[in-house]
């Protein structure tokens, strides 16, 4: 087969036609009370990092309450 016998068709459509558009991640701000509730509901209380976050939330609540 000769290389001149091969035909290459180039499409004008973009390659990424079927992909979904990129949506950047976002952060949701919550109050200390809401954060504490989320941690207590979904976090592992035995996890030292969860316990540290709960301690920090209580410190914030003490400062804001005074």
PDB file of N, CA and C in Angstrom:
ATOM      1  N   UNK A   1       0.841  -1.177   0.000  1.00  0.00           N
ATOM      2  CA  UNK A   1       0.000   0.000   0.000  1.00  0.00           C
ATOM      3  C   UNK A   1       0.881   1.233   0.000  1.00  0.00           C
ATOM      4  N   UNK A   2       0.613   2.119  -0.880  1.00  0.00           N
ATOM      5  CA  UNK A   2       1.376   3.349  -1.009  1.00  0.00           C
ATOM      6  C   UNK A   2       0.844   4.395  -0.029  1.00  0.00           C
ATOM      7  N   UNK A   3       1.704   5.217   0.565  1.00  0.00           N
ATOM      8  CA  UNK A   3       1.284   6.213   1.552  1.00  0.00           C
ATOM      9  C   UNK A   3       0.389   7.288   0.929  1.00  0.00           C
ATOM     10  N   UNK A   4       0.439   7.449  -0.375  1.00  0.00           N
ATOM     11  CA  UNK A   4      -0.422   8.437  -1.026  1.00  0.00           C
ATOM     12  C   UNK A   4      -1.852   7.931  -1.156  1.00  0.00           C
ATOM     13  N   UNK A   5      -2.071   6.638  -0.962  1.00  0.00           N
ATOM     14  CA  UNK A   5      -3.418   6.078  -1.043  1.00  0.00           C
ATOM     15  C   UNK A   5      -4.225   6.284   0.246  1.00  0.00           C
ATOM     16  N   UNK A   6      -3.577   6.640   1.347  1.00  0.00           N
ATOM     17  CA  UNK A   6      -4.259   6.825   2.618  1.00  0.00           C
ATOM     18  C   UNK A   6      -4.825   8.237   2.708  1.00  0.00           C
ATOM     19  N   UNK A   7      -6.070   8.326   3.145  1.00  0.00           N
ATOM     20  CA  UNK A   7      -6.715   9.622   3.296  1.00  0.00           C
ATOM     21  C   UNK A   7      -6.968   9.882   4.777  1.00  0.00           C
ATOM     22  N   UNK A   8      -6.606  11.051   5.207  1.00  0.00           N
ATOM     23  CA  UNK A   8      -6.829  11.435   6.597  1.00  0.00           C
ATOM     24  C   UNK A   8      -7.841  12.565   6.612  1.00  0.00           C
ATOM     25  N   UNK A   9      -8.932  12.331   7.327  1.00  0.00           N
ATOM     26  CA  UNK A   9      -9.947  13.361   7.437  1.00  0.00           C
ATOM     27  C   UNK A   9      -9.805  14.049   8.789  1.00  0.00           C
ATOM     28  N   UNK A  10      -9.728  15.356   8.763  1.00  0.00           N
ATOM     29  CA  UNK A  10      -9.601  16.137   9.995  1.00  0.00           C
ATOM     30  C   UNK A  10     -10.941  16.781  10.286  1.00  0.00           C
ATOM     31  N   UNK A  11     -11.421  16.527  11.479  1.00  0.00           N
ATOM     32  CA  UNK A  11     -12.711  17.070  11.898  1.00  0.00           C
ATOM     33  C   UNK A  11     -12.513  18.471  12.460  1.00  0.00           C
ATOM     34  N   UNK A  12     -13.495  19.327  12.236  1.00  0.00           N
ATOM     35  CA  UNK A  12     -13.423  20.675  12.793  1.00  0.00           C
ATOM     36  C   UNK A  12     -14.011  20.727  14.205  1.00  0.00           C
ATOM     37  N   UNK A  13     -14.605  19.625  14.675  1.00  0.00           N
ATOM     38  CA  UNK A  13     -15.175  19.571  16.021  1.00  0.00           C
ATOM     39  C   UNK A  13     -14.061  19.428  17.050  1.00  0.00           C
ATOM     40  N   UNK A  14     -14.219  20.055  18.209  1.00  0.00           N
ATOM     41  CA  UNK A  14     -13.181  19.924  19.235  1.00  0.00           C
ATOM     42  C   UNK A  14     -13.143  18.501  19.793  1.00  0.00           C
ATOM     43  N   UNK A  15     -11.977  18.088  20.221  1.00  0.00           N
ATOM     44  CA  UNK A  15     -11.773  16.747  20.732  1.00  0.00           C
ATOM     45  C   UNK A  15     -12.541  16.539  22.037  1.00  0.00           C
ATOM     46  N   UNK A  16     -12.685  17.568  22.847  1.00  0.00           N
ATOM     47  CA  UNK A  16     -13.283  17.454  24.168  1.00  0.00           C
ATOM     48  C   UNK A  16     -14.794  17.640  24.156  1.00  0.00           C
ATOM     49  N   UNK A  17     -15.433  17.394  23.053  1.00  0.00           N
ATOM     50  CA  UNK A  17     -16.859  17.666  22.901  1.00  0.00           C
ATOM     51  C   UNK A  17     -17.714  16.960  23.948  1.00  0.00           C
ATOM     52  N   UNK A  18     -17.399  15.735  24.319  1.00  0.00           N
ATOM     53  CA  UNK A  18     -18.226  14.962  25.218  1.00  0.00           C
ATOM     54  C   UNK A  18     -17.955  15.214  26.693  1.00  0.00           C
ATOM     55  N   UNK A  19     -16.933  15.966  27.034  1.00  0.00           N
ATOM     56  CA  UNK A  19     -16.581  16.179  28.428  1.00  0.00           C
ATOM     57  C   UNK A  19     -17.407  17.283  29.062  1.00  0.00           C
ATOM     58  N   UNK A  20     -17.577  17.166  30.369  1.00  0.00           N
ATOM     59  CA  UNK A  20     -18.294  18.191  31.118  1.00  0.00           C
ATOM     60  C   UNK A  20     -17.353  19.366  31.378  1.00  0.00           C
ATOM     61  N   UNK A  21     -17.884  20.574  31.497  1.00  0.00           N
ATOM     62  CA  UNK A  21     -17.013  21.716  31.797  1.00  0.00           C
ATOM     63  C   UNK A  21     -16.460  21.612  33.220  1.00  0.00           C
ATOM     64  N   UNK A  22     -15.286  22.154  33.425  1.00  0.00           N
ATOM     65  CA  UNK A  22     -14.625  22.115  34.728  1.00  0.00           C
ATOM     66  C   UNK A  22     -15.313  23.086  35.682  1.00  0.00           C
ATOM     67  N   UNK A  23     -15.593  22.606  36.878  1.00  0.00           N
ATOM     68  CA  UNK A  23     -16.164  23.446  37.921  1.00  0.00           C
ATOM     69  C   UNK A  23     -15.161  23.455  39.071  1.00  0.00           C
ATOM     70  N   UNK A  24     -14.652  24.638  39.385  1.00  0.00           N
ATOM     71  CA  UNK A  24     -13.643  24.750  40.426  1.00  0.00           C
ATOM     72  C   UNK A  24     -14.249  24.434  41.793  1.00  0.00           C
ATOM     73  N   UNK A  25     -13.470  23.781  42.660  1.00  0.00           N
ATOM     74  CA  UNK A  25     -13.976  23.485  43.999  1.00  0.00           C
ATOM     75  C   UNK A  25     -14.168  24.762  44.803  1.00  0.00           C
ATOM     76  N   UNK A  26     -15.115  24.722  45.708  1.00  0.00           N
ATOM     77  CA  UNK A  26     -15.373  25.881  46.546  1.00  0.00           C
ATOM     78  C   UNK A  26     -15.393  25.462  48.008  1.00  0.00           C
ATOM     79  N   UNK A  27     -15.223  26.422  48.875  1.00  0.00           N
ATOM     80  CA  UNK A  27     -15.288  26.187  50.316  1.00  0.00           C
ATOM     81  C   UNK A  27     -16.541  26.857  50.853  1.00  0.00           C
ATOM     82  N   UNK A  28     -17.192  26.171  51.760  1.00  0.00           N
ATOM     83  CA  UNK A  28     -18.392  26.720  52.371  1.00  0.00           C
ATOM     84  C   UNK A  28     -18.043  27.177  53.779  1.00  0.00           C
ATOM     85  N   UNK A  29     -18.314  28.446  54.091  1.00  0.00           N
ATOM     86  CA  UNK A  29     -18.060  28.955  55.433  1.00  0.00           C
ATOM     87  C   UNK A  29     -19.195  28.539  56.340  1.00  0.00           C
ATOM     88  N   UNK A  30     -18.839  28.063  57.518  1.00  0.00           N
ATOM     89  CA  UNK A  30     -19.842  27.667  58.500  1.00  0.00           C
ATOM     90  C   UNK A  30     -19.501  28.329  59.835  1.00  0.00           C
ATOM     91  N   UNK A  31     -20.496  28.463  60.656  1.00  0.00           N
ATOM     92  CA  UNK A  31     -20.287  29.011  61.994  1.00  0.00           C
ATOM     93  C   UNK A  31     -19.597  27.955  62.849  1.00  0.00           C
ATOM     94  N   UNK A  32     -18.979  28.363  63.948  1.00  0.00           N
ATOM     95  CA  UNK A  32     -18.372  27.365  64.838  1.00  0.00           C
ATOM     96  C   UNK A  32     -19.386  26.337  65.344  1.00  0.00           C
ATOM     97  N   UNK A  33     -20.615  26.769  65.613  1.00  0.00           N
ATOM     98  CA  UNK A  33     -21.643  25.827  66.067  1.00  0.00           C
ATOM     99  C   UNK A  33     -21.951  24.787  64.995  1.00  0.00           C
ATOM    100  N   UNK A  34     -22.065  25.230  63.742  1.00  0.00           N
ATOM    101  CA  UNK A  34     -22.355  24.306  62.646  1.00  0.00           C
ATOM    102  C   UNK A  34     -21.172  23.364  62.405  1.00  0.00           C
ATOM    103  N   UNK A  35     -19.947  23.890  62.525  1.00  0.00           N
ATOM    104  CA  UNK A  35     -18.768  23.043  62.339  1.00  0.00           C
ATOM    105  C   UNK A  35     -18.695  21.978  63.425  1.00  0.00           C
ATOM    106  N   UNK A  36     -19.001  22.385  64.666  1.00  0.00           N
ATOM    107  CA  UNK A  36     -18.991  21.423  65.771  1.00  0.00           C
ATOM    108  C   UNK A  36     -20.034  20.336  65.551  1.00  0.00           C
ATOM    109  N   UNK A  37     -21.209  20.743  65.102  1.00  0.00           N
ATOM    110  CA  UNK A  37     -22.273  19.777  64.834  1.00  0.00           C
ATOM    111  C   UNK A  37     -21.866  18.792  63.740  1.00  0.00           C
ATOM    112  N   UNK A  38     -21.256  19.296  62.673  1.00  0.00           N
ATOM    113  CA  UNK A  38     -20.799  18.419  61.583  1.00  0.00           C
ATOM    114  C   UNK A  38     -19.744  17.432  62.071  1.00  0.00           C
ATOM    115  N   UNK A  39     -18.794  17.924  62.880  1.00  0.00           N
ATOM    116  CA  UNK A  39     -17.756  17.041  63.390  1.00  0.00           C
ATOM    117  C   UNK A  39     -18.333  15.972  64.306  1.00  0.00           C
ATOM    118  N   UNK A  40     -19.273  16.358  65.155  1.00  0.00           N
ATOM    119  CA  UNK A  40     -19.863  15.390  66.073  1.00  0.00           C
ATOM    120  C   UNK A  40     -20.709  14.360  65.331  1.00  0.00           C
ATOM    121  N   UNK A  41     -21.356  14.793  64.253  1.00  0.00           N
ATOM    122  CA  UNK A  41     -22.219  13.891  63.499  1.00  0.00           C
ATOM    123  C   UNK A  41     -21.419  12.957  62.590  1.00  0.00           C
ATOM    124  N   UNK A  42     -20.366  13.484  61.924  1.00  0.00           N
ATOM    125  CA  UNK A  42     -19.671  12.707  60.894  1.00  0.00           C
ATOM    126  C   UNK A  42     -18.236  12.331  61.244  1.00  0.00           C
ATOM    127  N   UNK A  43     -17.651  12.966  62.251  1.00  0.00           N
ATOM    128  CA  UNK A  43     -16.258  12.704  62.578  1.00  0.00           C
ATOM    129  C   UNK A  43     -16.089  11.557  63.551  1.00  0.00           C
ATOM    130  N   UNK A  44     -14.884  11.044  63.610  1.00  0.00           N
ATOM    131  CA  UNK A  44     -14.527   9.994  64.565  1.00  0.00           C
ATOM    132  C   UNK A  44     -14.011  10.690  65.819  1.00  0.00           C
ATOM    133  N   UNK A  45     -14.771  10.622  66.901  1.00  0.00           N
ATOM    134  CA  UNK A  45     -14.427  11.327  68.130  1.00  0.00           C
ATOM    135  C   UNK A  45     -13.092  10.846  68.688  1.00  0.00           C
ATOM    136  N   UNK A  46     -12.710   9.618  68.404  1.00  0.00           N
ATOM    137  CA  UNK A  46     -11.438   9.076  68.865  1.00  0.00           C
ATOM    138  C   UNK A  46     -10.238   9.600  68.093  1.00  0.00           C
ATOM    139  N   UNK A  47     -10.464  10.241  66.961  1.00  0.00           N
ATOM    140  CA  UNK A  47      -9.388  10.770  66.130  1.00  0.00           C
ATOM    141  C   UNK A  47      -8.806  12.019  66.791  1.00  0.00           C
ATOM    142  N   UNK A  48      -7.492  12.062  67.019  1.00  0.00           N
ATOM    143  CA  UNK A  48      -6.898  13.226  67.675  1.00  0.00           C
ATOM    144  C   UNK A  48      -7.088  14.534  66.894  1.00  0.00           C
ATOM    145  N   UNK A  49      -7.119  14.459  65.577  1.00  0.00           N
ATOM    146  CA  UNK A  49      -7.315  15.680  64.786  1.00  0.00           C
ATOM    147  C   UNK A  49      -8.735  16.223  64.959  1.00  0.00           C
ATOM    148  N   UNK A  50      -9.713  15.335  65.017  1.00  0.00           N
ATOM    149  CA  UNK A  50     -11.095  15.757  65.246  1.00  0.00           C
ATOM    150  C   UNK A  50     -11.208  16.369  66.635  1.00  0.00           C
ATOM    151  N   UNK A  51     -10.580  15.743  67.612  1.00  0.00           N
ATOM    152  CA  UNK A  51     -10.618  16.272  68.973  1.00  0.00           C
ATOM    153  C   UNK A  51      -9.952  17.649  69.048  1.00  0.00           C
ATOM    154  N   UNK A  52      -8.850  17.819  68.324  1.00  0.00           N
ATOM    155  CA  UNK A  52      -8.163  19.121  68.287  1.00  0.00           C
ATOM    156  C   UNK A  52      -9.069  20.195  67.687  1.00  0.00           C
ATOM    157  N   UNK A  53      -9.764  19.852  66.601  1.00  0.00           N
ATOM    158  CA  UNK A  53     -10.678  20.826  65.985  1.00  0.00           C
ATOM    159  C   UNK A  53     -11.818  21.183  66.935  1.00  0.00           C
ATOM    160  N   UNK A  54     -12.345  20.200  67.647  1.00  0.00           N
ATOM    161  CA  UNK A  54     -13.412  20.475  68.610  1.00  0.00           C
ATOM    162  C   UNK A  54     -12.910  21.377  69.739  1.00  0.00           C
ATOM    163  N   UNK A  55     -11.673  21.140  70.199  1.00  0.00           N
ATOM    164  CA  UNK A  55     -11.087  21.996  71.233  1.00  0.00           C
ATOM    165  C   UNK A  55     -10.931  23.433  70.746  1.00  0.00           C
ATOM    166  N   UNK A  56     -10.479  23.590  69.514  1.00  0.00           N
ATOM    167  CA  UNK A  56     -10.295  24.941  68.944  1.00  0.00           C
ATOM    168  C   UNK A  56     -11.642  25.650  68.786  1.00  0.00           C
ATOM    169  N   UNK A  57     -12.663  24.912  68.401  1.00  0.00           N
ATOM    170  CA  UNK A  57     -14.001  25.496  68.265  1.00  0.00           C
ATOM    171  C   UNK A  57     -14.482  25.992  69.627  1.00  0.00           C
ATOM    172  N   UNK A  58     -14.250  25.199  70.679  1.00  0.00           N
ATOM    173  CA  UNK A  58     -14.656  25.626  72.018  1.00  0.00           C
ATOM    174  C   UNK A  58     -13.896  26.856  72.459  1.00  0.00           C
ATOM    175  N   UNK A  59     -12.619  26.955  72.119  1.00  0.00           N
ATOM    176  CA  UNK A  59     -11.835  28.155  72.450  1.00  0.00           C
ATOM    177  C   UNK A  59     -12.419  29.378  71.738  1.00  0.00           C
ATOM    178  N   UNK A  60     -12.777  29.225  70.464  1.00  0.00           N
ATOM    179  CA  UNK A  60     -13.394  30.331  69.724  1.00  0.00           C
ATOM    180  C   UNK A  60     -14.710  30.754  70.368  1.00  0.00           C
ATOM    181  N   UNK A  61     -15.492  29.798  70.770  1.00  0.00           N
ATOM    182  CA  UNK A  61     -16.792  30.104  71.382  1.00  0.00           C
ATOM    183  C   UNK A  61     -16.595  30.822  72.720  1.00  0.00           C
ATOM    184  N   UNK A  62     -15.568  30.460  73.495  1.00  0.00           N
ATOM    185  CA  UNK A  62     -15.288  31.141  74.758  1.00  0.00           C
ATOM    186  C   UNK A  62     -14.872  32.586  74.519  1.00  0.00           C
ATOM    187  N   UNK A  63     -14.023  32.807  73.497  1.00  0.00           N
ATOM    188  CA  UNK A  63     -13.552  34.174  73.183  1.00  0.00           C
ATOM    189  C   UNK A  63     -14.695  35.036  72.688  1.00  0.00           C
ATOM    190  N   UNK A  64     -15.545  34.482  71.851  1.00  0.00           N
ATOM    191  CA  UNK A  64     -16.669  35.251  71.290  1.00  0.00           C
ATOM    192  C   UNK A  64     -17.778  35.454  72.309  1.00  0.00           C
ATOM    193  N   UNK A  65     -17.880  34.582  73.286  1.00  0.00           N
ATOM    194  CA  UNK A  65     -18.926  34.680  74.291  1.00  0.00           C
ATOM    195  C   UNK A  65     -18.594  35.673  75.402  1.00  0.00           C
ATOM    196  N   UNK A  66     -17.309  36.023  75.577  1.00  0.00           N
ATOM    197  CA  UNK A  66     -16.924  36.919  76.672  1.00  0.00           C
ATOM    198  C   UNK A  66     -17.159  38.368  76.339  1.00  0.00           C
TER     199      UNK A  66
END
